[in-house]
């Protein structure tokens, strides 16, 4: 009798840069002290695009970039990702002289699953990172608040982990209550609560096997 492989449900993969490469953070990735935001509001395949537009990208990777553009994943979030693990690994390994694409994360969201579906992935390859909170349009409410207006959320700040994400799903409701109170006073960008993904469904993972050292 065969042994069942332990799996996780995921929607796909994002290939991203981290801000702890070198002495200074770069791009739009947010960092607080020696900790950084490791959620989904980062540009997927960012430094492949430089050589793609300069027509320097190898043909295999060029096809990956073009196929990603042809399939628009989960339009309400404007969140692009790949469902092909082998393509994700190839993109991660590409070196072009810039700070490397040094993190491959897997994502799962009930909201995304309702639109684009999900699939099984080997659970041995993932390490828990935390919960992000995404609003329709692609903005992370964590990155907007904890890095730009932390004085408004002193109570909620203690709830996030070293990846600048929530560890417990139940903490998100408390945070969103604070957010909505501040929004009514025009202290933060207003969002309809219904336009924010169901608390606890934005699961962010990192695949350890594809992680490269900064």
Protein backbone atom coordinates (compact mmCIF):
# COMPACT_ATOMS: atom_id res chain seq x y z
CA UNK A 1 0.00 0.00 0.00
CA UNK A 2 1.42 3.41 -0.98
CA UNK A 3 2.04 6.11 1.61
CA UNK A 4 0.13 9.34 1.08
CA UNK A 5 2.40 12.38 0.61
CA UNK A 6 1.67 15.28 2.96
CA UNK A 7 0.58 18.20 0.80
CA UNK A 8 -0.51 21.83 1.08
CA UNK A 9 -3.16 23.51 -1.04
CA UNK A 10 -1.65 26.47 -2.94
CA UNK A 11 -2.62 28.77 -5.81
CA UNK A 12 0.85 29.28 -7.27
CA UNK A 13 4.27 30.84 -6.88
CA UNK A 14 5.81 34.32 -6.88
CA UNK A 15 9.52 34.89 -7.58
CA UNK A 16 10.65 37.95 -5.67
CA UNK A 17 13.57 40.04 -4.48
CA UNK A 18 14.32 40.59 -0.81
CA UNK A 19 15.49 43.85 0.72
CA UNK A 20 18.21 42.33 2.88
CA UNK A 21 20.59 41.96 -0.05
CA UNK A 22 23.67 44.09 0.55
CA UNK A 23 23.87 47.01 2.93
CA UNK A 24 20.83 48.96 1.71
CA UNK A 25 17.22 48.06 0.89
CA UNK A 26 16.26 48.60 -2.73
CA UNK A 27 13.16 48.89 -4.85
CA UNK A 28 9.83 49.32 -3.11
CA UNK A 29 10.33 46.53 -0.59
CA UNK A 30 9.74 47.74 2.96
CA UNK A 31 12.05 47.16 5.85
CA UNK A 32 11.86 48.08 9.52
CA UNK A 33 15.21 47.84 11.28
CA UNK A 34 16.65 44.41 10.47
CA UNK A 35 13.22 43.00 9.61
CA UNK A 36 11.46 43.19 6.26
CA UNK A 37 8.01 42.73 4.81
CA UNK A 38 7.88 39.33 3.09
CA UNK A 39 4.30 39.35 1.84
CA UNK A 40 2.73 39.38 -1.61
CA UNK A 41 2.94 43.11 -2.51
CA UNK A 42 6.25 42.77 -4.32
CA UNK A 43 6.87 42.65 -8.06
CA UNK A 44 6.77 39.10 -9.46
CA UNK A 45 9.74 38.34 -11.80
CA UNK A 46 11.04 41.90 -11.36
CA UNK A 47 14.60 41.67 -12.61
CA UNK A 48 13.73 39.36 -15.49
CA UNK A 49 11.86 42.29 -17.00
CA UNK A 50 15.03 44.41 -17.40
CA UNK A 51 16.69 41.94 -19.75
CA UNK A 52 13.36 41.05 -21.35
CA UNK A 53 12.82 44.62 -22.55
CA UNK A 54 16.51 44.94 -23.49
CA UNK A 55 16.09 41.70 -25.50
CA UNK A 56 18.89 40.02 -23.55
CA UNK A 57 16.83 37.35 -21.84
CA UNK A 58 17.50 33.73 -22.88
CA UNK A 59 14.71 32.36 -25.07
CA UNK A 60 13.45 29.87 -22.47
CA UNK A 61 13.01 32.60 -19.86
CA UNK A 62 11.58 34.97 -22.44
CA UNK A 63 8.84 32.43 -23.12
CA UNK A 64 8.13 32.21 -19.39
CA UNK A 65 7.73 35.99 -19.11
CA UNK A 66 5.46 36.11 -22.18
CA UNK A 67 3.31 33.21 -21.02
CA UNK A 68 2.90 34.92 -17.65
CA UNK A 69 1.69 38.06 -19.42
CA UNK A 70 -0.81 36.12 -21.51
CA UNK A 71 -2.47 34.58 -18.48
CA UNK A 72 -3.68 37.20 -16.03
CA UNK A 73 -4.10 35.59 -12.64
CA UNK A 74 -6.82 36.79 -10.34
CA UNK A 75 -7.65 40.17 -11.85
CA UNK A 76 -9.43 41.65 -8.78
CA UNK A 77 -6.10 41.59 -6.88
CA UNK A 78 -3.88 42.46 -9.84
CA UNK A 79 -1.73 39.70 -8.35
CA UNK A 80 0.34 37.86 -10.95
CA UNK A 81 1.94 34.51 -10.21
CA UNK A 82 2.91 31.29 -11.93
CA UNK A 83 1.36 27.88 -11.39
CA UNK A 84 4.36 26.08 -12.94
CA UNK A 85 6.91 25.10 -10.27
CA UNK A 86 9.66 24.22 -12.77
CA UNK A 87 9.33 27.60 -14.49
CA UNK A 88 9.45 29.30 -11.10
CA UNK A 89 12.72 27.53 -10.23
CA UNK A 90 14.28 28.48 -13.59
CA UNK A 91 13.31 32.13 -13.12
CA UNK A 92 14.70 32.15 -9.59
CA UNK A 93 18.06 30.84 -10.78
CA UNK A 94 18.56 33.58 -13.39
CA UNK A 95 21.49 35.94 -12.75
CA UNK A 96 21.77 39.24 -14.62
CA UNK A 97 24.26 41.22 -12.50
CA UNK A 98 21.56 42.89 -10.41
CA UNK A 99 20.54 41.84 -6.89
CA UNK A 100 19.16 38.33 -7.46
CA UNK A 101 15.60 37.14 -7.41
CA UNK A 102 16.25 35.43 -4.12
CA UNK A 103 12.93 34.21 -2.81
CA UNK A 104 10.25 31.91 -4.16
CA UNK A 105 7.05 32.00 -2.14
CA UNK A 106 3.90 29.94 -2.52
CA UNK A 107 0.55 31.57 -1.83
CA UNK A 108 -2.88 30.34 -0.91
CA UNK A 109 -6.08 32.32 -0.55
CA UNK A 110 -9.68 31.15 -0.40
CA UNK A 111 -10.62 34.25 -2.42
CA UNK A 112 -8.12 33.45 -5.19
CA UNK A 113 -9.13 29.78 -5.15
CA UNK A 114 -12.73 30.80 -5.84
CA UNK A 115 -11.61 32.46 -9.07
CA UNK A 116 -8.50 30.57 -10.21
CA UNK A 117 -8.52 27.29 -8.31
CA UNK A 118 -5.72 25.69 -6.29
CA UNK A 119 -3.62 22.52 -6.36
CA UNK A 120 -1.64 20.20 -4.09
CA UNK A 121 2.02 20.93 -3.36
CA UNK A 122 4.56 18.95 -1.31
CA UNK A 123 4.27 20.25 2.26
CA UNK A 124 7.90 19.31 2.98
CA UNK A 125 8.97 22.14 0.68
CA UNK A 126 7.18 24.93 2.51
CA UNK A 127 7.93 26.88 5.65
CA UNK A 128 5.20 28.94 7.26
CA UNK A 129 5.66 32.71 6.88
CA UNK A 130 2.34 34.20 7.96
CA UNK A 131 -0.87 35.92 6.90
CA UNK A 132 -0.96 38.97 4.67
CA UNK A 133 -4.10 41.14 4.33
CA UNK A 134 -4.82 42.15 0.75
CA UNK A 135 -7.46 44.61 -0.46
CA UNK A 136 -9.03 44.54 -3.91
CA UNK A 137 -6.61 46.33 -6.20
CA UNK A 138 -3.54 44.57 -4.86
CA UNK A 139 -2.54 46.60 -1.81
CA UNK A 140 -1.35 44.96 1.38
CA UNK A 141 -2.88 46.72 4.37
CA UNK A 142 0.10 45.58 6.41
CA UNK A 143 2.66 47.34 4.27
CA UNK A 144 0.59 50.53 4.10
CA UNK A 145 0.14 50.79 7.83
CA UNK A 146 2.96 49.21 9.74
CA UNK A 147 5.65 50.95 7.72
CA UNK A 148 4.00 54.30 6.90
CA UNK A 149 1.63 55.00 9.84
CA UNK A 150 2.82 52.80 12.72
CA UNK A 151 1.76 55.33 15.38
CA UNK A 152 -1.89 54.56 14.57
CA UNK A 153 -1.52 50.84 15.18
CA UNK A 154 0.67 50.40 18.24
CA UNK A 155 -1.61 47.66 19.60
CA UNK A 156 -1.63 45.68 16.36
CA UNK A 157 2.09 46.00 15.73
CA UNK A 158 2.87 43.54 18.52
CA UNK A 159 0.79 40.91 16.71
CA UNK A 160 3.00 40.63 13.63
CA UNK A 161 5.94 38.28 13.36
CA UNK A 162 9.54 38.63 12.18
CA UNK A 163 8.37 38.47 8.54
CA UNK A 164 6.10 41.49 9.15
CA UNK A 165 3.04 39.29 8.67
CA UNK A 166 0.37 38.07 11.07
CA UNK A 167 1.06 34.73 12.70
CA UNK A 168 -2.52 34.01 13.81
CA UNK A 169 -5.61 34.39 11.63
CA UNK A 170 -7.68 35.58 14.59
CA UNK A 171 -5.44 38.63 15.04
CA UNK A 172 -6.45 39.97 11.62
CA UNK A 173 -10.03 40.76 12.70
CA UNK A 174 -8.77 42.89 15.60
CA UNK A 175 -6.40 44.71 13.26
CA UNK A 176 -9.11 45.35 10.64
CA UNK A 177 -11.37 46.81 13.31
CA UNK A 178 -8.60 49.30 14.15
CA UNK A 179 -8.07 49.98 10.46
CA UNK A 180 -11.73 50.77 9.82
CA UNK A 181 -11.88 53.12 12.81
CA UNK A 182 -8.91 55.05 11.46
CA UNK A 183 -10.37 55.04 7.96
CA UNK A 184 -13.55 56.74 9.23
CA UNK A 185 -11.35 59.57 10.47
CA UNK A 186 -9.56 59.74 7.08
CA UNK A 187 -6.28 58.76 8.73
CA UNK A 188 -5.72 55.81 6.39
CA UNK A 189 -6.97 54.93 2.93
CA UNK A 190 -10.64 53.91 3.17
CA UNK A 191 -11.67 50.45 2.05
CA UNK A 192 -15.00 48.70 2.04
CA UNK A 193 -14.66 45.82 4.50
CA UNK A 194 -16.19 43.59 1.84
CA UNK A 195 -13.38 44.54 -0.55
CA UNK A 196 -10.82 43.08 1.82
CA UNK A 197 -10.18 39.37 1.57
CA UNK A 198 -11.74 37.18 4.22
CA UNK A 199 -9.48 37.39 7.29
CA UNK A 200 -7.33 34.35 7.72
CA UNK A 201 -7.30 33.23 4.10
CA UNK A 202 -4.19 34.98 2.85
CA UNK A 203 -1.56 32.34 3.53
CA UNK A 204 2.00 33.13 2.50
CA UNK A 205 4.64 30.40 2.38
CA UNK A 206 8.25 30.17 1.34
CA UNK A 207 9.65 27.12 -0.40
CA UNK A 208 12.84 26.30 1.46
CA UNK A 209 14.27 24.26 -1.38
CA UNK A 210 14.33 27.33 -3.65
CA UNK A 211 15.60 29.86 -1.15
CA UNK A 212 18.95 31.47 -1.92
CA UNK A 213 21.19 33.16 0.60
CA UNK A 214 21.25 37.01 0.56
